[in-house]
Amino acid sequence: MTIAVAYRPDEFGRAALEWAAAQARATDDSLIIINVHRVEPRLDTGHAKGRHLQDVTEALAKDNVTYELRQVEGENIAGTVLFEAEQAGASLVVIGVRPRSPVGKILMGSVAQQILLDSAVPVVAVKP
């Protein structure tokens, strides 16, 4: 089986990746790490590059976890994550969630919320 991880190079993305890697080791699954950027990758803070990618690859190699990293462009991040997870045949999607105020939940859409509501497979939401 495959576990999909929505990854950003921040504490929330790292928490999701750590949980997914531990689950993959326990169940002998592989990971698909999905990193989506909206615009030119150099300008998007959600785009993993350089040291972030090196840290990810070193940690997963050390833990002997089989993985594939997909860095894709997409205006709708949640939709892109779900599309990539479906294409990979993922049986589980793991996301990191950040705290938001009640007003923030009303005014702004949430990538995590859209993934939770629209996913065809179970979703695990991880807090750092």
N, C-alpha and C. Protein backbone atom coordinates (compact mmCIF):
# COMPACT_ATOMS: atom_id res chain seq x y z
N MET A 1 0.83 -1.17 0.00
CA MET A 1 0.00 0.00 0.00
C MET A 1 0.88 1.25 0.00
N THR A 2 0.26 2.37 -0.28
CA THR A 2 0.97 3.64 -0.34
C THR A 2 0.29 4.65 0.57
N ILE A 3 1.11 5.40 1.29
CA ILE A 3 0.63 6.48 2.14
C ILE A 3 1.05 7.79 1.49
N ALA A 4 0.09 8.69 1.24
CA ALA A 4 0.39 10.00 0.66
C ALA A 4 0.54 11.01 1.77
N VAL A 5 1.55 11.88 1.63
CA VAL A 5 1.80 12.92 2.62
C VAL A 5 1.79 14.27 1.90
N ALA A 6 0.93 15.17 2.37
CA ALA A 6 0.96 16.55 1.88
C ALA A 6 2.07 17.25 2.65
N TYR A 7 3.13 17.64 1.94
CA TYR A 7 4.32 18.15 2.63
C TYR A 7 4.60 19.60 2.28
N ARG A 8 4.88 20.38 3.32
CA ARG A 8 5.41 21.75 3.22
C ARG A 8 6.65 21.80 4.10
N PRO A 9 7.62 22.61 3.74
CA PRO A 9 8.85 22.67 4.55
C PRO A 9 8.65 23.55 5.79
N ASP A 10 7.78 23.12 6.69
CA ASP A 10 7.55 23.82 7.95
C ASP A 10 7.24 22.79 9.02
N GLU A 11 6.97 23.24 10.23
CA GLU A 11 6.76 22.30 11.33
C GLU A 11 5.53 21.41 11.10
N PHE A 12 4.53 21.90 10.39
CA PHE A 12 3.33 21.12 10.15
C PHE A 12 3.58 20.02 9.11
N GLY A 13 4.33 20.37 8.08
CA GLY A 13 4.71 19.37 7.08
C GLY A 13 5.63 18.31 7.66
N ARG A 14 6.57 18.74 8.51
CA ARG A 14 7.47 17.77 9.15
C ARG A 14 6.71 16.82 10.07
N ALA A 15 5.72 17.35 10.81
CA ALA A 15 4.93 16.49 11.70
C ALA A 15 4.18 15.44 10.89
N ALA A 16 3.59 15.85 9.77
CA ALA A 16 2.87 14.90 8.92
C ALA A 16 3.82 13.85 8.36
N LEU A 17 4.99 14.29 7.90
CA LEU A 17 5.96 13.35 7.33
C LEU A 17 6.49 12.37 8.38
N GLU A 18 6.77 12.86 9.57
CA GLU A 18 7.26 11.97 10.63
C GLU A 18 6.22 10.91 10.99
N TRP A 19 4.95 11.32 11.10
CA TRP A 19 3.90 10.37 11.43
C TRP A 19 3.76 9.33 10.31
N ALA A 20 3.74 9.82 9.07
CA ALA A 20 3.58 8.92 7.92
C ALA A 20 4.75 7.95 7.80
N ALA A 21 5.98 8.43 8.05
CA ALA A 21 7.15 7.56 7.97
C ALA A 21 7.08 6.47 9.04
N ALA A 22 6.67 6.83 10.25
CA ALA A 22 6.53 5.83 11.31
C ALA A 22 5.47 4.80 10.94
N GLN A 23 4.37 5.25 10.37
CA GLN A 23 3.30 4.33 9.94
C GLN A 23 3.80 3.43 8.81
N ALA A 24 4.54 4.00 7.86
CA ALA A 24 5.07 3.21 6.74
C ALA A 24 6.03 2.14 7.24
N ARG A 25 6.87 2.48 8.22
CA ARG A 25 7.79 1.48 8.79
C ARG A 25 7.00 0.36 9.47
N ALA A 26 5.98 0.75 10.22
CA ALA A 26 5.20 -0.25 10.98
C ALA A 26 4.41 -1.18 10.08
N THR A 27 3.95 -0.67 8.95
CA THR A 27 3.09 -1.47 8.07
C THR A 27 3.77 -1.90 6.78
N ASP A 28 5.06 -1.56 6.64
CA ASP A 28 5.84 -1.88 5.44
C ASP A 28 5.21 -1.30 4.19
N ASP A 29 4.69 -0.08 4.31
CA ASP A 29 4.11 0.65 3.18
C ASP A 29 5.16 1.58 2.59
N SER A 30 4.87 2.11 1.43
CA SER A 30 5.73 3.13 0.83
C SER A 30 5.05 4.49 0.97
N LEU A 31 5.84 5.54 0.81
CA LEU A 31 5.32 6.90 0.92
C LEU A 31 5.35 7.58 -0.43
N ILE A 32 4.38 8.43 -0.66
CA ILE A 32 4.46 9.39 -1.74
C ILE A 32 4.36 10.76 -1.06
N ILE A 33 5.40 11.54 -1.20
CA ILE A 33 5.48 12.85 -0.57
C ILE A 33 5.08 13.87 -1.64
N ILE A 34 4.00 14.59 -1.38
CA ILE A 34 3.45 15.53 -2.37
C ILE A 34 3.72 16.95 -1.89
N ASN A 35 4.51 17.66 -2.66
CA ASN A 35 4.85 19.05 -2.36
C ASN A 35 4.33 19.90 -3.51
N VAL A 36 3.31 20.72 -3.21
CA VAL A 36 2.65 21.52 -4.24
C VAL A 36 3.08 22.97 -4.10
N HIS A 37 3.38 23.60 -5.23
CA HIS A 37 3.63 25.04 -5.23
C HIS A 37 2.66 25.70 -6.20
N ARG A 38 2.28 26.94 -5.87
CA ARG A 38 1.29 27.65 -6.67
C ARG A 38 1.90 28.42 -7.84
N VAL A 39 3.03 29.02 -7.63
CA VAL A 39 3.64 29.89 -8.64
C VAL A 39 5.07 29.45 -8.88
N GLU A 40 5.84 30.33 -9.42
CA GLU A 40 7.26 30.06 -9.60
C GLU A 40 7.83 29.45 -8.32
N PRO A 41 8.39 28.25 -8.37
CA PRO A 41 8.85 27.57 -7.16
C PRO A 41 9.80 28.38 -6.29
N ARG A 42 10.65 29.19 -6.91
CA ARG A 42 11.60 29.98 -6.12
C ARG A 42 10.90 31.02 -5.24
N LEU A 43 9.67 31.41 -5.60
CA LEU A 43 8.95 32.45 -4.88
C LEU A 43 7.93 31.90 -3.89
N ASP A 44 7.68 30.62 -3.91
CA ASP A 44 6.65 30.02 -3.07
C ASP A 44 7.28 29.41 -1.82
N THR A 45 6.88 29.89 -0.64
CA THR A 45 7.45 29.38 0.61
C THR A 45 7.03 27.94 0.90
N GLY A 46 6.01 27.46 0.23
CA GLY A 46 5.59 26.08 0.42
C GLY A 46 6.38 25.08 -0.40
N HIS A 47 7.23 25.58 -1.29
CA HIS A 47 8.01 24.72 -2.16
C HIS A 47 9.27 24.25 -1.42
N ALA A 48 9.42 22.95 -1.28
CA ALA A 48 10.60 22.39 -0.60
C ALA A 48 11.78 22.40 -1.57
N LYS A 49 12.91 22.86 -1.07
CA LYS A 49 14.11 22.91 -1.90
C LYS A 49 15.35 22.84 -1.01
N GLY A 50 16.48 22.63 -1.64
CA GLY A 50 17.76 22.68 -0.94
C GLY A 50 17.84 21.83 0.30
N ARG A 51 18.12 22.49 1.41
CA ARG A 51 18.34 21.81 2.69
C ARG A 51 17.11 21.03 3.15
N HIS A 52 15.91 21.55 2.87
CA HIS A 52 14.69 20.84 3.27
C HIS A 52 14.62 19.47 2.59
N LEU A 53 14.88 19.44 1.31
CA LEU A 53 14.84 18.17 0.58
C LEU A 53 15.94 17.22 1.05
N GLN A 54 17.10 17.77 1.32
CA GLN A 54 18.20 16.94 1.80
C GLN A 54 17.85 16.31 3.14
N ASP A 55 17.27 17.09 4.04
CA ASP A 55 16.86 16.56 5.35
C ASP A 55 15.83 15.44 5.20
N VAL A 56 14.87 15.64 4.30
CA VAL A 56 13.83 14.62 4.08
C VAL A 56 14.45 13.34 3.55
N THR A 57 15.26 13.45 2.51
CA THR A 57 15.83 12.25 1.91
C THR A 57 16.77 11.52 2.86
N GLU A 58 17.56 12.26 3.65
CA GLU A 58 18.46 11.62 4.61
C GLU A 58 17.68 10.89 5.70
N ALA A 59 16.64 11.52 6.22
CA ALA A 59 15.85 10.90 7.29
C ALA A 59 15.15 9.63 6.81
N LEU A 60 14.57 9.69 5.62
CA LEU A 60 13.85 8.51 5.11
C LEU A 60 14.81 7.40 4.72
N ALA A 61 15.97 7.74 4.19
CA ALA A 61 16.97 6.71 3.86
C ALA A 61 17.48 6.04 5.13
N LYS A 62 17.72 6.85 6.17
CA LYS A 62 18.19 6.30 7.45
C LYS A 62 17.16 5.35 8.05
N ASP A 63 15.88 5.70 7.89
CA ASP A 63 14.80 4.87 8.44
C ASP A 63 14.41 3.73 7.51
N ASN A 64 15.06 3.66 6.34
CA ASN A 64 14.80 2.59 5.38
C ASN A 64 13.35 2.58 4.91
N VAL A 65 12.81 3.77 4.61
CA VAL A 65 11.45 3.92 4.11
C VAL A 65 11.50 4.15 2.61
N THR A 66 10.73 3.39 1.87
CA THR A 66 10.62 3.56 0.42
C THR A 66 9.71 4.75 0.16
N TYR A 67 10.16 5.67 -0.70
CA TYR A 67 9.35 6.86 -0.94
C TYR A 67 9.56 7.38 -2.35
N GLU A 68 8.60 8.18 -2.77
CA GLU A 68 8.70 8.94 -4.01
C GLU A 68 8.32 10.37 -3.67
N LEU A 69 9.07 11.32 -4.17
CA LEU A 69 8.79 12.73 -3.95
C LEU A 69 8.24 13.32 -5.23
N ARG A 70 7.05 13.92 -5.12
CA ARG A 70 6.44 14.59 -6.27
C ARG A 70 6.32 16.07 -5.95
N GLN A 71 6.99 16.88 -6.72
CA GLN A 71 6.87 18.34 -6.60
C GLN A 71 6.11 18.81 -7.82
N VAL A 72 4.90 19.31 -7.58
CA VAL A 72 4.01 19.67 -8.68
C VAL A 72 3.47 21.08 -8.49
N GLU A 73 3.07 21.67 -9.60
CA GLU A 73 2.46 22.99 -9.57
C GLU A 73 0.94 22.82 -9.64
N GLY A 74 0.24 23.60 -8.84
CA GLY A 74 -1.22 23.56 -8.88
C GLY A 74 -1.80 24.75 -8.15
N GLU A 75 -2.77 25.39 -8.76
CA GLU A 75 -3.40 26.55 -8.14
C GLU A 75 -4.25 26.12 -6.94
N ASN A 76 -4.91 24.99 -7.06
CA ASN A 76 -5.73 24.45 -5.96
C ASN A 76 -4.90 23.38 -5.26
N ILE A 77 -4.31 23.73 -4.13
CA ILE A 77 -3.38 22.82 -3.46
C ILE A 77 -4.08 21.54 -3.01
N ALA A 78 -5.23 21.67 -2.38
CA ALA A 78 -5.96 20.48 -1.90
C ALA A 78 -6.32 19.56 -3.06
N GLY A 79 -6.84 20.13 -4.12
CA GLY A 79 -7.20 19.32 -5.29
C GLY A 79 -6.01 18.64 -5.91
N THR A 80 -4.88 19.33 -5.95
CA THR A 80 -3.66 18.75 -6.50
C THR A 80 -3.15 17.61 -5.62
N VAL A 81 -3.17 17.81 -4.31
CA VAL A 81 -2.74 16.74 -3.38
C VAL A 81 -3.63 15.51 -3.58
N LEU A 82 -4.94 15.71 -3.62
CA LEU A 82 -5.85 14.58 -3.78
C LEU A 82 -5.68 13.89 -5.13
N PHE A 83 -5.45 14.66 -6.19
CA PHE A 83 -5.22 14.08 -7.51
C PHE A 83 -3.96 13.21 -7.50
N GLU A 84 -2.87 13.75 -6.96
CA GLU A 84 -1.61 13.00 -6.91
C GLU A 84 -1.74 11.75 -6.05
N ALA A 85 -2.45 11.86 -4.93
CA ALA A 85 -2.67 10.69 -4.06
C ALA A 85 -3.46 9.61 -4.79
N GLU A 86 -4.48 10.03 -5.52
CA GLU A 86 -5.28 9.07 -6.27
C GLU A 86 -4.46 8.41 -7.38
N GLN A 87 -3.66 9.21 -8.09
CA GLN A 87 -2.82 8.67 -9.15
C GLN A 87 -1.82 7.64 -8.61
N ALA A 88 -1.38 7.84 -7.39
CA ALA A 88 -0.42 6.92 -6.77
C ALA A 88 -1.09 5.70 -6.15
N GLY A 89 -2.41 5.70 -6.10
CA GLY A 89 -3.13 4.59 -5.48
C GLY A 89 -3.02 4.60 -3.97
N ALA A 90 -2.91 5.78 -3.39
CA ALA A 90 -2.75 5.88 -1.93
C ALA A 90 -3.99 5.38 -1.20
N SER A 91 -3.75 4.68 -0.10
CA SER A 91 -4.85 4.19 0.72
C SER A 91 -5.07 5.07 1.95
N LEU A 92 -4.21 6.08 2.11
CA LEU A 92 -4.27 6.98 3.26
C LEU A 92 -3.59 8.29 2.88
N VAL A 93 -4.15 9.41 3.35
CA VAL A 93 -3.53 10.72 3.14
C VAL A 93 -3.22 11.30 4.52
N VAL A 94 -2.01 11.83 4.68
CA VAL A 94 -1.60 12.42 5.95
C VAL A 94 -1.33 13.90 5.71
N ILE A 95 -1.90 14.74 6.60
CA ILE A 95 -1.72 16.19 6.49
C ILE A 95 -1.32 16.75 7.85
N GLY A 96 -0.60 17.84 7.82
CA GLY A 96 -0.30 18.59 9.04
C GLY A 96 -1.33 19.70 9.16
N VAL A 97 -1.80 19.95 10.36
CA VAL A 97 -2.80 21.01 10.55
C VAL A 97 -2.26 22.06 11.50
N ARG A 98 -2.63 23.29 11.21
CA ARG A 98 -2.22 24.43 12.02
C ARG A 98 -3.45 25.00 12.72
N PRO A 99 -3.25 25.60 13.88
CA PRO A 99 -4.39 26.20 14.58
C PRO A 99 -4.89 27.43 13.83
N ARG A 100 -6.21 27.60 13.83
CA ARG A 100 -6.83 28.78 13.21
C ARG A 100 -7.94 29.28 14.11
N SER A 101 -8.10 30.57 14.14
CA SER A 101 -9.15 31.16 14.96
C SER A 101 -10.51 30.91 14.30
N PRO A 102 -11.60 31.01 15.06
CA PRO A 102 -12.93 30.85 14.46
C PRO A 102 -13.17 31.82 13.30
N VAL A 103 -12.71 33.07 13.46
CA VAL A 103 -12.89 34.04 12.38
C VAL A 103 -12.06 33.64 11.17
N GLY A 104 -10.86 33.16 11.41
CA GLY A 104 -10.01 32.71 10.31
C GLY A 104 -10.64 31.56 9.54
N LYS A 105 -11.35 30.70 10.23
CA LYS A 105 -12.02 29.58 9.58
C LYS A 105 -13.15 30.05 8.68
N ILE A 106 -13.81 31.13 9.07
CA ILE A 106 -14.92 31.67 8.28
C ILE A 106 -14.41 32.43 7.06
N LEU A 107 -13.39 33.24 7.25
CA LEU A 107 -12.94 34.15 6.20
C LEU A 107 -12.08 33.47 5.14
N MET A 108 -11.29 32.50 5.54
CA MET A 108 -10.36 31.89 4.60
C MET A 108 -10.65 30.41 4.45
N GLY A 109 -10.49 29.92 3.23
CA GLY A 109 -10.63 28.50 3.00
C GLY A 109 -9.46 27.76 3.61
N SER A 110 -9.63 26.51 3.89
CA SER A 110 -8.58 25.72 4.50
C SER A 110 -8.23 24.55 3.59
N VAL A 111 -6.96 24.45 3.25
CA VAL A 111 -6.49 23.33 2.45
C VAL A 111 -6.77 22.02 3.20
N ALA A 112 -6.45 22.01 4.49
CA ALA A 112 -6.68 20.80 5.29
C ALA A 112 -8.16 20.42 5.31
N GLN A 113 -9.02 21.43 5.48
CA GLN A 113 -10.46 21.16 5.52
C GLN A 113 -10.94 20.59 4.19
N GLN A 114 -10.48 21.15 3.09
CA GLN A 114 -10.89 20.65 1.78
C GLN A 114 -10.41 19.21 1.57
N ILE A 115 -9.19 18.91 1.99
CA ILE A 115 -8.68 17.54 1.86
C ILE A 115 -9.53 16.60 2.72
N LEU A 116 -9.81 16.99 3.96
CA LEU A 116 -10.62 16.15 4.84
C LEU A 116 -11.99 15.87 4.25
N LEU A 117 -12.61 16.88 3.65
CA LEU A 117 -13.96 16.73 3.12
C LEU A 117 -14.02 16.02 1.78
N ASP A 118 -13.01 16.20 0.95
CA ASP A 118 -13.08 15.70 -0.42
C ASP A 118 -12.34 14.39 -0.67
N SER A 119 -11.55 13.92 0.27
CA SER A 119 -10.76 12.72 0.04
C SER A 119 -11.63 11.47 -0.04
N ALA A 120 -11.29 10.61 -0.98
CA ALA A 120 -11.99 9.33 -1.13
C ALA A 120 -11.41 8.26 -0.21
N VAL A 121 -10.26 8.55 0.39
CA VAL A 121 -9.62 7.61 1.31
C VAL A 121 -9.49 8.26 2.68
N PRO A 122 -9.24 7.49 3.72
CA PRO A 122 -9.08 8.08 5.06
C PRO A 122 -7.96 9.12 5.09
N VAL A 123 -8.15 10.13 5.94
CA VAL A 123 -7.17 11.19 6.13
C VAL A 123 -6.79 11.25 7.60
N VAL A 124 -5.49 11.33 7.86
CA VAL A 124 -4.98 11.52 9.21
C VAL A 124 -4.47 12.94 9.30
N ALA A 125 -4.99 13.70 10.26
CA ALA A 125 -4.54 15.07 10.50
C ALA A 125 -3.63 15.07 11.71
N VAL A 126 -2.41 15.59 11.54
CA VAL A 126 -1.39 15.54 12.57
C VAL A 126 -1.06 16.96 13.03
N LYS A 127 -0.96 17.14 14.34
CA LYS A 127 -0.50 18.41 14.90
C LYS A 127 0.94 18.25 15.35
N PRO A 128 1.76 19.30 15.20
CA PRO A 128 3.14 19.20 15.69
C PRO A 128 3.19 19.16 17.21
